[in-house]
Amino acid sequence: MGAEMAETTDGSTAGGRTALKVIAIVWLAATGINLLVWLIMCFATLSLHSPFWIWPLIGGALIVVPWYYATRNRSTERIARG
């Protein structure tokens, strides 16, 4: 039972992958909303404003991408170990 508990608390289990998916969805939704607001501002004023939507895109990528690469092979390693 202790081994099962350890598997559920590290970031390599289904719960960790679900958390990664939720974070990625929130990140992409926030970036999309920022992009939409920026486009509305550009069309409303007929001028090109600084693209502030790039900052959440980069910030989220700095969190989500390394997390994905750190956990993507752990599931297959755990299956191979048995």
PDB file of N, CA and C in Angstrom:
ATOM      1  N   MET A   1       0.819  -1.193   0.000  1.00  0.00           N
ATOM      2  CA  MET A   1       0.000   0.000   0.000  1.00  0.00           C
ATOM      3  C   MET A   1       0.858   1.250   0.000  1.00  0.00           C
ATOM      4  N   GLY A   2       2.012   1.216   0.676  1.00  0.00           N
ATOM      5  CA  GLY A   2       2.894   2.370   0.708  1.00  0.00           C
ATOM      6  C   GLY A   2       3.430   2.729  -0.664  1.00  0.00           C
ATOM      7  N   ALA A   3       3.719   1.703  -1.489  1.00  0.00           N
ATOM      8  CA  ALA A   3       4.223   1.962  -2.830  1.00  0.00           C
ATOM      9  C   ALA A   3       3.159   2.649  -3.681  1.00  0.00           C
ATOM     10  N   GLU A   4       1.902   2.264  -3.504  1.00  0.00           N
ATOM     11  CA  GLU A   4       0.834   2.907  -4.248  1.00  0.00           C
ATOM     12  C   GLU A   4       0.724   4.374  -3.877  1.00  0.00           C
ATOM     13  N   MET A   5       0.895   4.675  -2.614  1.00  0.00           N
ATOM     14  CA  MET A   5       0.796   6.049  -2.166  1.00  0.00           C
ATOM     15  C   MET A   5       1.924   6.886  -2.760  1.00  0.00           C
ATOM     16  N   ALA A   6       3.135   6.316  -2.836  1.00  0.00           N
ATOM     17  CA  ALA A   6       4.263   7.040  -3.414  1.00  0.00           C
ATOM     18  C   ALA A   6       4.031   7.316  -4.894  1.00  0.00           C
ATOM     19  N   GLU A   7       3.412   6.363  -5.579  1.00  0.00           N
ATOM     20  CA  GLU A   7       3.136   6.570  -6.990  1.00  0.00           C
ATOM     21  C   GLU A   7       2.131   7.680  -7.208  1.00  0.00           C
ATOM     22  N   THR A   8       1.210   7.840  -6.318  1.00  0.00           N
ATOM     23  CA  THR A   8       0.194   8.861  -6.524  1.00  0.00           C
ATOM     24  C   THR A   8       0.653  10.244  -6.104  1.00  0.00           C
ATOM     25  N   THR A   9       1.731  10.354  -5.339  1.00  0.00           N
ATOM     26  CA  THR A   9       2.175  11.671  -4.911  1.00  0.00           C
ATOM     27  C   THR A   9       3.274  12.250  -5.782  1.00  0.00           C
ATOM     28  N   ASP A  10       4.005  11.441  -6.560  1.00  0.00           N
ATOM     29  CA  ASP A  10       5.009  12.047  -7.434  1.00  0.00           C
ATOM     30  C   ASP A  10       4.329  12.533  -8.706  1.00  0.00           C
ATOM     31  N   GLY A  11       5.055  13.306  -9.503  1.00  0.00           N
ATOM     32  CA  GLY A  11       4.450  13.932 -10.669  1.00  0.00           C
ATOM     33  C   GLY A  11       4.292  13.030 -11.863  1.00  0.00           C
ATOM     34  N   SER A  12       4.579  11.744 -11.746  1.00  0.00           N
ATOM     35  CA  SER A  12       4.582  10.880 -12.914  1.00  0.00           C
ATOM     36  C   SER A  12       3.313  10.040 -13.058  1.00  0.00           C
ATOM     37  N   THR A  13       2.362  10.214 -12.202  1.00  0.00           N
ATOM     38  CA  THR A  13       1.177   9.373 -12.250  1.00  0.00           C
ATOM     39  C   THR A  13       0.060  10.058 -13.027  1.00  0.00           C
ATOM     40  N   ALA A  14      -1.075   9.409 -13.068  1.00  0.00           N
ATOM     41  CA  ALA A  14      -2.218   9.963 -13.785  1.00  0.00           C
ATOM     42  C   ALA A  14      -2.627  11.306 -13.207  1.00  0.00           C
ATOM     43  N   GLY A  15      -2.514  11.466 -11.905  1.00  0.00           N
ATOM     44  CA  GLY A  15      -2.854  12.747 -11.290  1.00  0.00           C
ATOM     45  C   GLY A  15      -1.917  13.850 -11.731  1.00  0.00           C
ATOM     46  N   GLY A  16      -0.636  13.525 -11.877  1.00  0.00           N
ATOM     47  CA  GLY A  16       0.335  14.501 -12.364  1.00  0.00           C
ATOM     48  C   GLY A  16       0.080  14.879 -13.809  1.00  0.00           C
ATOM     49  N   ARG A  17      -0.285  13.889 -14.612  1.00  0.00           N
ATOM     50  CA  ARG A  17      -0.602  14.170 -16.018  1.00  0.00           C
ATOM     51  C   ARG A  17      -1.884  14.984 -16.131  1.00  0.00           C
ATOM     52  N   THR A  18      -2.863  14.698 -15.266  1.00  0.00           N
ATOM     53  CA  THR A  18      -4.103  15.466 -15.279  1.00  0.00           C
ATOM     54  C   THR A  18      -3.829  16.907 -14.878  1.00  0.00           C
ATOM     55  N   ALA A  19      -2.996  17.104 -13.877  1.00  0.00           N
ATOM     56  CA  ALA A  19      -2.639  18.458 -13.461  1.00  0.00           C
ATOM     57  C   ALA A  19      -1.935  19.194 -14.600  1.00  0.00           C
ATOM     58  N   LEU A  20      -1.060  18.502 -15.309  1.00  0.00           N
ATOM     59  CA  LEU A  20      -0.374  19.105 -16.438  1.00  0.00           C
ATOM     60  C   LEU A  20      -1.362  19.526 -17.513  1.00  0.00           C
ATOM     61  N   LYS A  21      -2.338  18.685 -17.791  1.00  0.00           N
ATOM     62  CA  LYS A  21      -3.348  19.021 -18.798  1.00  0.00           C
ATOM     63  C   LYS A  21      -4.171  20.226 -18.372  1.00  0.00           C
ATOM     64  N   VAL A  22      -4.545  20.283 -17.100  1.00  0.00           N
ATOM     65  CA  VAL A  22      -5.342  21.409 -16.601  1.00  0.00           C
ATOM     66  C   VAL A  22      -4.537  22.705 -16.699  1.00  0.00           C
ATOM     67  N   ILE A  23      -3.278  22.661 -16.270  1.00  0.00           N
ATOM     68  CA  ILE A  23      -2.416  23.843 -16.344  1.00  0.00           C
ATOM     69  C   ILE A  23      -2.245  24.287 -17.797  1.00  0.00           C
ATOM     70  N   ALA A  24      -2.047  23.342 -18.702  1.00  0.00           N
ATOM     71  CA  ALA A  24      -1.875  23.679 -20.115  1.00  0.00           C
ATOM     72  C   ALA A  24      -3.139  24.310 -20.689  1.00  0.00           C
ATOM     73  N   ILE A  25      -4.299  23.793 -20.325  1.00  0.00           N
ATOM     74  CA  ILE A  25      -5.563  24.355 -20.810  1.00  0.00           C
ATOM     75  C   ILE A  25      -5.757  25.767 -20.290  1.00  0.00           C
ATOM     76  N   VAL A  26      -5.488  25.975 -19.008  1.00  0.00           N
ATOM     77  CA  VAL A  26      -5.631  27.313 -18.420  1.00  0.00           C
ATOM     78  C   VAL A  26      -4.651  28.280 -19.085  1.00  0.00           C
ATOM     79  N   TRP A  27      -3.415  27.830 -19.293  1.00  0.00           N
ATOM     80  CA  TRP A  27      -2.394  28.666 -19.934  1.00  0.00           C
ATOM     81  C   TRP A  27      -2.817  29.058 -21.349  1.00  0.00           C
ATOM     82  N   LEU A  28      -3.262  28.086 -22.138  1.00  0.00           N
ATOM     83  CA  LEU A  28      -3.659  28.391 -23.504  1.00  0.00           C
ATOM     84  C   LEU A  28      -4.913  29.255 -23.563  1.00  0.00           C
ATOM     85  N   ALA A  29      -5.845  29.043 -22.647  1.00  0.00           N
ATOM     86  CA  ALA A  29      -7.053  29.874 -22.600  1.00  0.00           C
ATOM     87  C   ALA A  29      -6.699  31.315 -22.244  1.00  0.00           C
ATOM     88  N   ALA A  30      -5.835  31.494 -21.250  1.00  0.00           N
ATOM     89  CA  ALA A  30      -5.428  32.851 -20.858  1.00  0.00           C
ATOM     90  C   ALA A  30      -4.680  33.546 -21.998  1.00  0.00           C
ATOM     91  N   THR A  31      -3.823  32.816 -22.691  1.00  0.00           N
ATOM     92  CA  THR A  31      -3.106  33.396 -23.827  1.00  0.00           C
ATOM     93  C   THR A  31      -4.077  33.752 -24.943  1.00  0.00           C
ATOM     94  N   GLY A  32      -5.049  32.885 -25.194  1.00  0.00           N
ATOM     95  CA  GLY A  32      -6.055  33.163 -26.217  1.00  0.00           C
ATOM     96  C   GLY A  32      -6.896  34.392 -25.894  1.00  0.00           C
ATOM     97  N   ILE A  33      -7.271  34.542 -24.628  1.00  0.00           N
ATOM     98  CA  ILE A  33      -8.042  35.716 -24.221  1.00  0.00           C
ATOM     99  C   ILE A  33      -7.203  36.978 -24.385  1.00  0.00           C
ATOM    100  N   ASN A  34      -5.927  36.913 -23.996  1.00  0.00           N
ATOM    101  CA  ASN A  34      -5.046  38.061 -24.183  1.00  0.00           C
ATOM    102  C   ASN A  34      -4.893  38.416 -25.658  1.00  0.00           C
ATOM    103  N   LEU A  35      -4.755  37.419 -26.499  1.00  0.00           N
ATOM    104  CA  LEU A  35      -4.643  37.653 -27.936  1.00  0.00           C
ATOM    105  C   LEU A  35      -5.917  38.288 -28.481  1.00  0.00           C
ATOM    106  N   LEU A  36      -7.065  37.791 -28.051  1.00  0.00           N
ATOM    107  CA  LEU A  36      -8.339  38.342 -28.499  1.00  0.00           C
ATOM    108  C   LEU A  36      -8.490  39.805 -28.077  1.00  0.00           C
ATOM    109  N   VAL A  37      -8.138  40.126 -26.844  1.00  0.00           N
ATOM    110  CA  VAL A  37      -8.210  41.514 -26.368  1.00  0.00           C
ATOM    111  C   VAL A  37      -7.273  42.393 -27.190  1.00  0.00           C
ATOM    112  N   TRP A  38      -6.076  41.884 -27.471  1.00  0.00           N
ATOM    113  CA  TRP A  38      -5.123  42.644 -28.267  1.00  0.00           C
ATOM    114  C   TRP A  38      -5.658  42.906 -29.673  1.00  0.00           C
ATOM    115  N   LEU A  39      -6.250  41.882 -30.289  1.00  0.00           N
ATOM    116  CA  LEU A  39      -6.822  42.064 -31.627  1.00  0.00           C
ATOM    117  C   LEU A  39      -7.958  43.075 -31.626  1.00  0.00           C
ATOM    118  N   ILE A  40      -8.816  43.009 -30.613  1.00  0.00           N
ATOM    119  CA  ILE A  40      -9.917  43.973 -30.505  1.00  0.00           C
ATOM    120  C   ILE A  40      -9.367  45.387 -30.356  1.00  0.00           C
ATOM    121  N   MET A  41      -8.336  45.548 -29.533  1.00  0.00           N
ATOM    122  CA  MET A  41      -7.720  46.868 -29.370  1.00  0.00           C
ATOM    123  C   MET A  41      -7.139  47.373 -30.691  1.00  0.00           C
ATOM    124  N   CYS A  42      -6.482  46.489 -31.419  1.00  0.00           N
ATOM    125  CA  CYS A  42      -5.881  46.892 -32.699  1.00  0.00           C
ATOM    126  C   CYS A  42      -6.947  47.286 -33.715  1.00  0.00           C
ATOM    127  N   PHE A  43      -8.024  46.520 -33.797  1.00  0.00           N
ATOM    128  CA  PHE A  43      -9.088  46.840 -34.742  1.00  0.00           C
ATOM    129  C   PHE A  43      -9.877  48.073 -34.315  1.00  0.00           C
ATOM    130  N   ALA A  44     -10.089  48.257 -33.030  1.00  0.00           N
ATOM    131  CA  ALA A  44     -10.864  49.400 -32.545  1.00  0.00           C
ATOM    132  C   ALA A  44     -10.120  50.717 -32.761  1.00  0.00           C
ATOM    133  N   THR A  45      -8.806  50.683 -32.613  1.00  0.00           N
ATOM    134  CA  THR A  45      -8.030  51.912 -32.769  1.00  0.00           C
ATOM    135  C   THR A  45      -7.367  52.026 -34.135  1.00  0.00           C
ATOM    136  N   LEU A  46      -7.472  50.974 -34.934  1.00  0.00           N
ATOM    137  CA  LEU A  46      -6.841  50.911 -36.256  1.00  0.00           C
ATOM    138  C   LEU A  46      -5.346  51.222 -36.186  1.00  0.00           C
ATOM    139  N   SER A  47      -4.718  50.707 -35.158  1.00  0.00           N
ATOM    140  CA  SER A  47      -3.267  50.842 -35.021  1.00  0.00           C
ATOM    141  C   SER A  47      -2.719  49.582 -34.376  1.00  0.00           C
ATOM    142  N   LEU A  48      -1.439  49.381 -34.538  1.00  0.00           N
ATOM    143  CA  LEU A  48      -0.795  48.193 -34.004  1.00  0.00           C
ATOM    144  C   LEU A  48      -0.202  48.510 -32.631  1.00  0.00           C
ATOM    145  N   HIS A  49      -0.684  47.831 -31.620  1.00  0.00           N
ATOM    146  CA  HIS A  49      -0.188  48.021 -30.256  1.00  0.00           C
ATOM    147  C   HIS A  49       0.873  46.971 -29.954  1.00  0.00           C
ATOM    148  N   SER A  50       1.627  47.214 -28.893  1.00  0.00           N
ATOM    149  CA  SER A  50       2.641  46.222 -28.526  1.00  0.00           C
ATOM    150  C   SER A  50       1.945  44.914 -28.147  1.00  0.00           C
ATOM    151  N   PRO A  51       2.463  43.783 -28.598  1.00  0.00           N
ATOM    152  CA  PRO A  51       1.790  42.493 -28.377  1.00  0.00           C
ATOM    153  C   PRO A  51       2.014  41.956 -26.957  1.00  0.00           C
ATOM    154  N   PHE A  52       1.195  42.439 -26.026  1.00  0.00           N
ATOM    155  CA  PHE A  52       1.334  42.034 -24.629  1.00  0.00           C
ATOM    156  C   PHE A  52       0.951  40.580 -24.399  1.00  0.00           C
ATOM    157  N   TRP A  53       0.282  39.958 -25.331  1.00  0.00           N
ATOM    158  CA  TRP A  53      -0.126  38.556 -25.195  1.00  0.00           C
ATOM    159  C   TRP A  53       1.060  37.610 -25.298  1.00  0.00           C
ATOM    160  N   ILE A  54       2.212  38.106 -25.762  1.00  0.00           N
ATOM    161  CA  ILE A  54       3.394  37.244 -25.873  1.00  0.00           C
ATOM    162  C   ILE A  54       3.918  36.851 -24.494  1.00  0.00           C
ATOM    163  N   TRP A  55       3.808  37.735 -23.490  1.00  0.00           N
ATOM    164  CA  TRP A  55       4.367  37.452 -22.162  1.00  0.00           C
ATOM    165  C   TRP A  55       3.703  36.257 -21.486  1.00  0.00           C
ATOM    166  N   PRO A  56       2.376  36.145 -21.462  1.00  0.00           N
ATOM    167  CA  PRO A  56       1.810  34.915 -20.878  1.00  0.00           C
ATOM    168  C   PRO A  56       2.115  33.671 -21.707  1.00  0.00           C
ATOM    169  N   LEU A  57       2.265  33.844 -23.015  1.00  0.00           N
ATOM    170  CA  LEU A  57       2.614  32.712 -23.872  1.00  0.00           C
ATOM    171  C   LEU A  57       3.994  32.176 -23.496  1.00  0.00           C
ATOM    172  N   ILE A  58       4.962  33.060 -23.353  1.00  0.00           N
ATOM    173  CA  ILE A  58       6.325  32.646 -23.000  1.00  0.00           C
ATOM    174  C   ILE A  58       6.384  32.129 -21.564  1.00  0.00           C
ATOM    175  N   GLY A  59       5.739  32.840 -20.635  1.00  0.00           N
ATOM    176  CA  GLY A  59       5.758  32.427 -19.231  1.00  0.00           C
ATOM    177  C   GLY A  59       5.136  31.059 -19.019  1.00  0.00           C
ATOM    178  N   GLY A  60       4.019  30.815 -19.647  1.00  0.00           N
ATOM    179  CA  GLY A  60       3.374  29.509 -19.534  1.00  0.00           C
ATOM    180  C   GLY A  60       4.198  28.408 -20.158  1.00  0.00           C
ATOM    181  N   ALA A  61       4.836  28.711 -21.287  1.00  0.00           N
ATOM    182  CA  ALA A  61       5.670  27.716 -21.952  1.00  0.00           C
ATOM    183  C   ALA A  61       6.864  27.338 -21.086  1.00  0.00           C
ATOM    184  N   LEU A  62       7.395  28.304 -20.338  1.00  0.00           N
ATOM    185  CA  LEU A  62       8.526  28.013 -19.458  1.00  0.00           C
ATOM    186  C   LEU A  62       8.142  27.061 -18.329  1.00  0.00           C
ATOM    187  N   ILE A  63       6.861  26.979 -18.016  1.00  0.00           N
ATOM    188  CA  ILE A  63       6.384  26.063 -16.974  1.00  0.00           C
ATOM    189  C   ILE A  63       5.919  24.736 -17.577  1.00  0.00           C
ATOM    190  N   VAL A  64       5.080  24.796 -18.597  1.00  0.00           N
ATOM    191  CA  VAL A  64       4.419  23.600 -19.127  1.00  0.00           C
ATOM    192  C   VAL A  64       5.367  22.700 -19.921  1.00  0.00           C
ATOM    193  N   VAL A  65       6.201  23.278 -20.767  1.00  0.00           N
ATOM    194  CA  VAL A  65       7.050  22.460 -21.640  1.00  0.00           C
ATOM    195  C   VAL A  65       8.060  21.622 -20.852  1.00  0.00           C
ATOM    196  N   PRO A  66       8.820  22.196 -19.898  1.00  0.00           N
ATOM    197  CA  PRO A  66       9.731  21.336 -19.128  1.00  0.00           C
ATOM    198  C   PRO A  66       8.990  20.282 -18.296  1.00  0.00           C
ATOM    199  N   TRP A  67       7.829  20.649 -17.769  1.00  0.00           N
ATOM    200  CA  TRP A  67       7.030  19.698 -16.987  1.00  0.00           C
ATOM    201  C   TRP A  67       6.621  18.524 -17.865  1.00  0.00           C
ATOM    202  N   TYR A  68       6.197  18.819 -19.099  1.00  0.00           N
ATOM    203  CA  TYR A  68       5.802  17.759 -20.016  1.00  0.00           C
ATOM    204  C   TYR A  68       6.975  16.827 -20.308  1.00  0.00           C
ATOM    205  N   TYR A  69       8.137  17.395 -20.644  1.00  0.00           N
ATOM    206  CA  TYR A  69       9.291  16.561 -20.971  1.00  0.00           C
ATOM    207  C   TYR A  69       9.820  15.805 -19.764  1.00  0.00           C
ATOM    208  N   ALA A  70       9.628  16.338 -18.576  1.00  0.00           N
ATOM    209  CA  ALA A  70      10.087  15.647 -17.369  1.00  0.00           C
ATOM    210  C   ALA A  70       9.201  14.456 -17.024  1.00  0.00           C
ATOM    211  N   THR A  71       7.934  14.497 -17.408  1.00  0.00           N
ATOM    212  CA  THR A  71       7.008  13.431 -17.017  1.00  0.00           C
ATOM    213  C   THR A  71       6.586  12.518 -18.161  1.00  0.00           C
ATOM    214  N   ARG A  72       6.948  12.800 -19.382  1.00  0.00           N
ATOM    215  CA  ARG A  72       6.407  12.011 -20.500  1.00  0.00           C
ATOM    216  C   ARG A  72       6.926  10.585 -20.534  1.00  0.00           C
ATOM    217  N   ASN A  73       8.136  10.312 -20.097  1.00  0.00           N
ATOM    218  CA  ASN A  73       8.690   8.962 -20.162  1.00  0.00           C
ATOM    219  C   ASN A  73       8.488   8.172 -18.876  1.00  0.00           C
ATOM    220  N   ARG A  74       8.053   8.810 -17.822  1.00  0.00           N
ATOM    221  CA  ARG A  74       7.903   8.106 -16.547  1.00  0.00           C
ATOM    222  C   ARG A  74       6.801   7.062 -16.584  1.00  0.00           C
ATOM    223  N   SER A  75       5.749   7.314 -17.339  1.00  0.00           N
ATOM    224  CA  SER A  75       4.665   6.334 -17.421  1.00  0.00           C
ATOM    225  C   SER A  75       5.142   5.047 -18.078  1.00  0.00           C
ATOM    226  N   THR A  76       5.912   5.162 -19.152  1.00  0.00           N
ATOM    227  CA  THR A  76       6.387   3.955 -19.832  1.00  0.00           C
ATOM    228  C   THR A  76       7.433   3.239 -18.993  1.00  0.00           C
ATOM    229  N   GLU A  77       8.246   3.977 -18.225  1.00  0.00           N
ATOM    230  CA  GLU A  77       9.225   3.338 -17.347  1.00  0.00           C
ATOM    231  C   GLU A  77       8.514   2.540 -16.255  1.00  0.00           C
ATOM    232  N   ARG A  78       7.436   3.093 -15.718  1.00  0.00           N
ATOM    233  CA  ARG A  78       6.701   2.430 -14.646  1.00  0.00           C
ATOM    234  C   ARG A  78       6.020   1.178 -15.173  1.00  0.00           C
ATOM    235  N   ILE A  79       5.523   1.218 -16.402  1.00  0.00           N
ATOM    236  CA  ILE A  79       4.881   0.035 -16.995  1.00  0.00           C
ATOM    237  C   ILE A  79       5.934  -1.051 -17.223  1.00  0.00           C
ATOM    238  N   ALA A  80       7.114  -0.667 -17.677  1.00  0.00           N
ATOM    239  CA  ALA A  80       8.179  -1.644 -17.944  1.00  0.00           C
ATOM    240  C   ALA A  80       8.648  -2.312 -16.647  1.00  0.00           C
ATOM    241  N   ARG A  81       8.683  -1.553 -15.550  1.00  0.00           N
ATOM    242  CA  ARG A  81       9.119  -2.125 -14.268  1.00  0.00           C
ATOM    243  C   ARG A  81       8.078  -3.073 -13.690  1.00  0.00           C
ATOM    244  N   GLY A  82       6.854  -2.863 -14.090  1.00  0.00           N
ATOM    245  CA  GLY A  82       5.878  -3.844 -13.674  1.00  0.00           C
ATOM    246  C   GLY A  82       4.915  -3.490 -12.661  1.00  0.00           C
TER     247      GLY A  82
END
